Amino acid sequence: MMRRVALFGMILGATALAAGLPHAQAQQAPTAKHTVAVKAGKGQRVCRVRLKYTGELRTWVCKKEEPCCVWHEISYVKCGSTITGCL
């Protein structure tokens, strides 16, 4: 009985994995045609940076008084604080 359950589980897992592969292959990185333009509202600014290690262009919106912070080593971007900066 345990062998049947284990065999059924392996078959079910392989089927789910095989069904997910075409979907994963169909997803592509966004290109210039597919990116959405980021616009800053009143009191905001657009921050843009190209990451050193991946070459990816990141775009995000911060308040005008907040610094645009980027950590290339971990591919992380955020808006900083007016008090602590990018800490």
N, C-alpha and C. Protein backbone atom coordinates (compact mmCIF):
# COMPACT_ATOMS: atom_id res chain seq x y z
N MET A 1 0.82 -1.18 0.00
CA MET A 1 0.00 0.00 0.00
C MET A 1 0.87 1.26 0.00
N MET A 2 1.93 1.28 0.81
CA MET A 2 2.81 2.45 0.89
C MET A 2 3.52 2.69 -0.44
N ARG A 3 3.85 1.61 -1.16
CA ARG A 3 4.53 1.77 -2.44
C ARG A 3 3.60 2.43 -3.46
N ARG A 4 2.32 2.07 -3.41
CA ARG A 4 1.35 2.66 -4.33
C ARG A 4 1.19 4.16 -4.05
N VAL A 5 1.14 4.52 -2.77
CA VAL A 5 0.99 5.92 -2.40
C VAL A 5 2.24 6.70 -2.84
N ALA A 6 3.40 6.13 -2.60
CA ALA A 6 4.64 6.80 -3.00
C ALA A 6 4.74 6.92 -4.51
N LEU A 7 4.36 5.89 -5.23
CA LEU A 7 4.39 5.91 -6.69
C LEU A 7 3.41 6.94 -7.22
N PHE A 8 2.21 6.96 -6.63
CA PHE A 8 1.20 7.94 -7.05
C PHE A 8 1.70 9.37 -6.79
N GLY A 9 2.35 9.58 -5.66
CA GLY A 9 2.90 10.90 -5.34
C GLY A 9 3.98 11.32 -6.32
N MET A 10 4.84 10.40 -6.71
CA MET A 10 5.90 10.72 -7.67
C MET A 10 5.31 11.04 -9.03
N ILE A 11 4.31 10.28 -9.45
CA ILE A 11 3.66 10.52 -10.74
C ILE A 11 2.96 11.88 -10.73
N LEU A 12 2.26 12.16 -9.64
CA LEU A 12 1.56 13.43 -9.51
C LEU A 12 2.56 14.60 -9.51
N GLY A 13 3.66 14.46 -8.81
CA GLY A 13 4.69 15.51 -8.77
C GLY A 13 5.34 15.72 -10.13
N ALA A 14 5.63 14.64 -10.84
CA ALA A 14 6.23 14.76 -12.17
C ALA A 14 5.27 15.41 -13.15
N THR A 15 3.99 15.10 -13.02
CA THR A 15 2.99 15.71 -13.90
C THR A 15 2.88 17.20 -13.63
N ALA A 16 2.88 17.58 -12.36
CA ALA A 16 2.79 19.00 -12.01
C ALA A 16 4.04 19.75 -12.49
N LEU A 17 5.19 19.14 -12.35
CA LEU A 17 6.43 19.76 -12.80
C LEU A 17 6.43 19.92 -14.32
N ALA A 18 6.01 18.89 -15.03
CA ALA A 18 5.98 18.96 -16.49
C ALA A 18 4.95 19.99 -16.97
N ALA A 19 3.85 20.12 -16.26
CA ALA A 19 2.83 21.09 -16.65
C ALA A 19 3.31 22.51 -16.39
N GLY A 20 4.18 22.71 -15.41
CA GLY A 20 4.66 24.04 -15.07
C GLY A 20 5.81 24.51 -15.95
N LEU A 21 6.53 23.61 -16.59
CA LEU A 21 7.69 24.00 -17.39
C LEU A 21 7.35 24.87 -18.60
N PRO A 22 6.37 24.53 -19.40
CA PRO A 22 6.08 25.41 -20.52
C PRO A 22 5.70 26.81 -20.09
N HIS A 23 5.00 26.91 -18.98
CA HIS A 23 4.61 28.23 -18.47
C HIS A 23 5.85 29.02 -18.05
N ALA A 24 6.80 28.38 -17.40
CA ALA A 24 8.01 29.06 -16.95
C ALA A 24 8.86 29.49 -18.15
N GLN A 25 8.87 28.70 -19.19
CA GLN A 25 9.66 29.06 -20.36
C GLN A 25 9.01 30.19 -21.14
N ALA A 26 7.71 30.33 -21.06
CA ALA A 26 7.01 31.36 -21.82
C ALA A 26 7.22 32.74 -21.22
N GLN A 27 7.52 32.82 -19.92
CA GLN A 27 7.73 34.12 -19.30
C GLN A 27 9.10 34.63 -19.69
N GLN A 28 9.14 35.89 -20.10
CA GLN A 28 10.40 36.51 -20.50
C GLN A 28 10.59 37.78 -19.71
N ALA A 29 11.83 38.21 -19.65
CA ALA A 29 12.13 39.47 -18.99
C ALA A 29 11.51 40.60 -19.79
N PRO A 30 11.02 41.63 -19.10
CA PRO A 30 10.40 42.73 -19.83
C PRO A 30 11.43 43.47 -20.69
N THR A 31 11.03 43.80 -21.87
CA THR A 31 11.89 44.57 -22.76
C THR A 31 11.41 46.00 -22.78
N ALA A 32 12.05 46.83 -23.57
CA ALA A 32 11.69 48.24 -23.63
C ALA A 32 10.24 48.42 -24.08
N LYS A 33 9.74 47.53 -24.91
CA LYS A 33 8.36 47.63 -25.38
C LYS A 33 7.36 47.34 -24.27
N HIS A 34 7.74 46.50 -23.30
CA HIS A 34 6.80 46.02 -22.30
C HIS A 34 6.88 46.78 -20.98
N THR A 35 7.82 47.67 -20.80
CA THR A 35 7.95 48.37 -19.53
C THR A 35 6.92 49.46 -19.42
N VAL A 36 6.51 49.73 -18.21
CA VAL A 36 5.54 50.77 -17.94
C VAL A 36 6.30 52.02 -17.52
N ALA A 37 5.94 53.15 -18.07
CA ALA A 37 6.61 54.40 -17.73
C ALA A 37 6.23 54.79 -16.30
N VAL A 38 7.25 55.07 -15.49
CA VAL A 38 7.02 55.50 -14.12
C VAL A 38 7.00 57.02 -14.11
N LYS A 39 5.94 57.58 -13.56
CA LYS A 39 5.80 59.03 -13.51
C LYS A 39 5.71 59.48 -12.07
N ALA A 40 6.37 60.60 -11.79
CA ALA A 40 6.35 61.16 -10.45
C ALA A 40 5.20 62.14 -10.33
N GLY A 41 4.55 62.10 -9.21
CA GLY A 41 3.47 63.05 -8.93
C GLY A 41 4.03 64.30 -8.27
N LYS A 42 3.16 65.11 -7.76
CA LYS A 42 3.57 66.34 -7.09
C LYS A 42 4.33 65.99 -5.81
N GLY A 43 5.51 66.57 -5.64
CA GLY A 43 6.32 66.31 -4.46
C GLY A 43 7.10 65.02 -4.54
N GLN A 44 7.16 64.39 -5.70
CA GLN A 44 7.89 63.13 -5.88
C GLN A 44 8.94 63.28 -6.98
N ARG A 45 9.84 62.32 -7.04
CA ARG A 45 10.82 62.26 -8.13
C ARG A 45 11.03 60.81 -8.52
N VAL A 46 11.45 60.64 -9.76
CA VAL A 46 11.72 59.31 -10.29
C VAL A 46 13.20 58.99 -10.09
N CYS A 47 13.48 57.84 -9.51
CA CYS A 47 14.86 57.38 -9.31
C CYS A 47 15.12 56.25 -10.31
N ARG A 48 16.25 56.31 -10.99
CA ARG A 48 16.63 55.28 -11.95
C ARG A 48 18.09 54.89 -11.71
N VAL A 49 18.36 53.60 -11.82
CA VAL A 49 19.73 53.12 -11.69
C VAL A 49 19.87 51.83 -12.48
N ARG A 50 21.02 51.62 -13.08
CA ARG A 50 21.35 50.36 -13.73
C ARG A 50 22.25 49.60 -12.77
N LEU A 51 21.79 48.42 -12.35
CA LEU A 51 22.55 47.63 -11.39
C LEU A 51 23.85 47.14 -12.01
N LYS A 52 24.91 47.23 -11.25
CA LYS A 52 26.26 46.90 -11.76
C LYS A 52 26.41 45.43 -12.16
N TYR A 53 25.91 44.54 -11.33
CA TYR A 53 26.20 43.12 -11.53
C TYR A 53 25.24 42.43 -12.48
N THR A 54 23.99 42.90 -12.54
CA THR A 54 23.01 42.26 -13.41
C THR A 54 22.72 43.07 -14.66
N GLY A 55 23.02 44.36 -14.64
CA GLY A 55 22.73 45.22 -15.77
C GLY A 55 21.27 45.62 -15.87
N GLU A 56 20.47 45.23 -14.89
CA GLU A 56 19.03 45.52 -14.89
C GLU A 56 18.80 47.00 -14.57
N LEU A 57 17.86 47.61 -15.27
CA LEU A 57 17.50 49.00 -15.01
C LEU A 57 16.33 49.01 -14.03
N ARG A 58 16.51 49.64 -12.88
CA ARG A 58 15.46 49.74 -11.87
C ARG A 58 14.96 51.17 -11.83
N THR A 59 13.66 51.33 -11.73
CA THR A 59 13.03 52.64 -11.66
C THR A 59 12.01 52.62 -10.54
N TRP A 60 12.05 53.62 -9.66
CA TRP A 60 11.09 53.72 -8.56
C TRP A 60 10.88 55.18 -8.23
N VAL A 61 9.86 55.46 -7.43
CA VAL A 61 9.47 56.83 -7.10
C VAL A 61 9.69 57.08 -5.62
N CYS A 62 10.33 58.22 -5.30
CA CYS A 62 10.55 58.64 -3.92
C CYS A 62 10.01 60.05 -3.75
N LYS A 63 9.86 60.46 -2.50
CA LYS A 63 9.54 61.85 -2.22
C LYS A 63 10.76 62.70 -2.57
N LYS A 64 10.53 63.97 -2.89
CA LYS A 64 11.64 64.84 -3.32
C LYS A 64 12.71 64.98 -2.26
N GLU A 65 12.32 64.99 -0.99
CA GLU A 65 13.30 65.19 0.08
C GLU A 65 14.03 63.90 0.47
N GLU A 66 13.56 62.75 0.01
CA GLU A 66 14.20 61.48 0.34
C GLU A 66 15.26 61.12 -0.69
N PRO A 67 16.40 60.58 -0.24
CA PRO A 67 17.42 60.15 -1.20
C PRO A 67 17.04 58.83 -1.87
N CYS A 68 17.52 58.65 -3.09
CA CYS A 68 17.36 57.38 -3.81
C CYS A 68 18.50 56.48 -3.38
N CYS A 69 18.20 55.34 -2.80
CA CYS A 69 19.23 54.45 -2.27
C CYS A 69 19.30 53.18 -3.10
N VAL A 70 20.54 52.72 -3.35
CA VAL A 70 20.74 51.49 -4.10
C VAL A 70 21.92 50.72 -3.51
N TRP A 71 21.75 49.41 -3.38
CA TRP A 71 22.82 48.51 -2.97
C TRP A 71 23.03 47.54 -4.12
N HIS A 72 24.09 47.74 -4.87
CA HIS A 72 24.37 46.93 -6.05
C HIS A 72 24.68 45.48 -5.69
N GLU A 73 25.31 45.27 -4.54
CA GLU A 73 25.74 43.93 -4.16
C GLU A 73 24.57 42.98 -3.95
N ILE A 74 23.45 43.50 -3.48
CA ILE A 74 22.29 42.63 -3.23
C ILE A 74 21.11 42.97 -4.14
N SER A 75 21.34 43.82 -5.15
CA SER A 75 20.32 44.22 -6.12
C SER A 75 19.07 44.76 -5.42
N TYR A 76 19.26 45.75 -4.55
CA TYR A 76 18.17 46.29 -3.74
C TYR A 76 18.12 47.80 -3.89
N VAL A 77 16.94 48.33 -4.09
CA VAL A 77 16.75 49.77 -4.17
C VAL A 77 15.61 50.17 -3.23
N LYS A 78 15.67 51.40 -2.72
CA LYS A 78 14.60 51.91 -1.86
C LYS A 78 14.74 53.41 -1.72
N CYS A 79 13.75 54.02 -1.12
CA CYS A 79 13.81 55.43 -0.77
C CYS A 79 14.40 55.53 0.63
N GLY A 80 15.34 56.45 0.80
CA GLY A 80 15.98 56.62 2.09
C GLY A 80 15.17 57.51 3.01
N SER A 81 15.77 57.82 4.14
CA SER A 81 15.15 58.66 5.14
C SER A 81 15.82 60.02 5.15
N THR A 82 15.07 61.06 5.47
CA THR A 82 15.66 62.39 5.55
C THR A 82 16.59 62.50 6.75
N ILE A 83 16.42 61.66 7.74
CA ILE A 83 17.25 61.70 8.95
C ILE A 83 18.47 60.80 8.82
N THR A 84 18.27 59.53 8.46
CA THR A 84 19.38 58.57 8.44
C THR A 84 19.95 58.34 7.05
N GLY A 85 19.40 58.98 6.04
CA GLY A 85 19.90 58.77 4.69
C GLY A 85 19.57 57.37 4.19
N CYS A 86 20.59 56.67 3.71
CA CYS A 86 20.37 55.34 3.12
C CYS A 86 20.67 54.19 4.08
N LEU A 87 20.68 54.46 5.38
CA LEU A 87 20.93 53.38 6.35
C LEU A 87 19.75 52.49 6.50
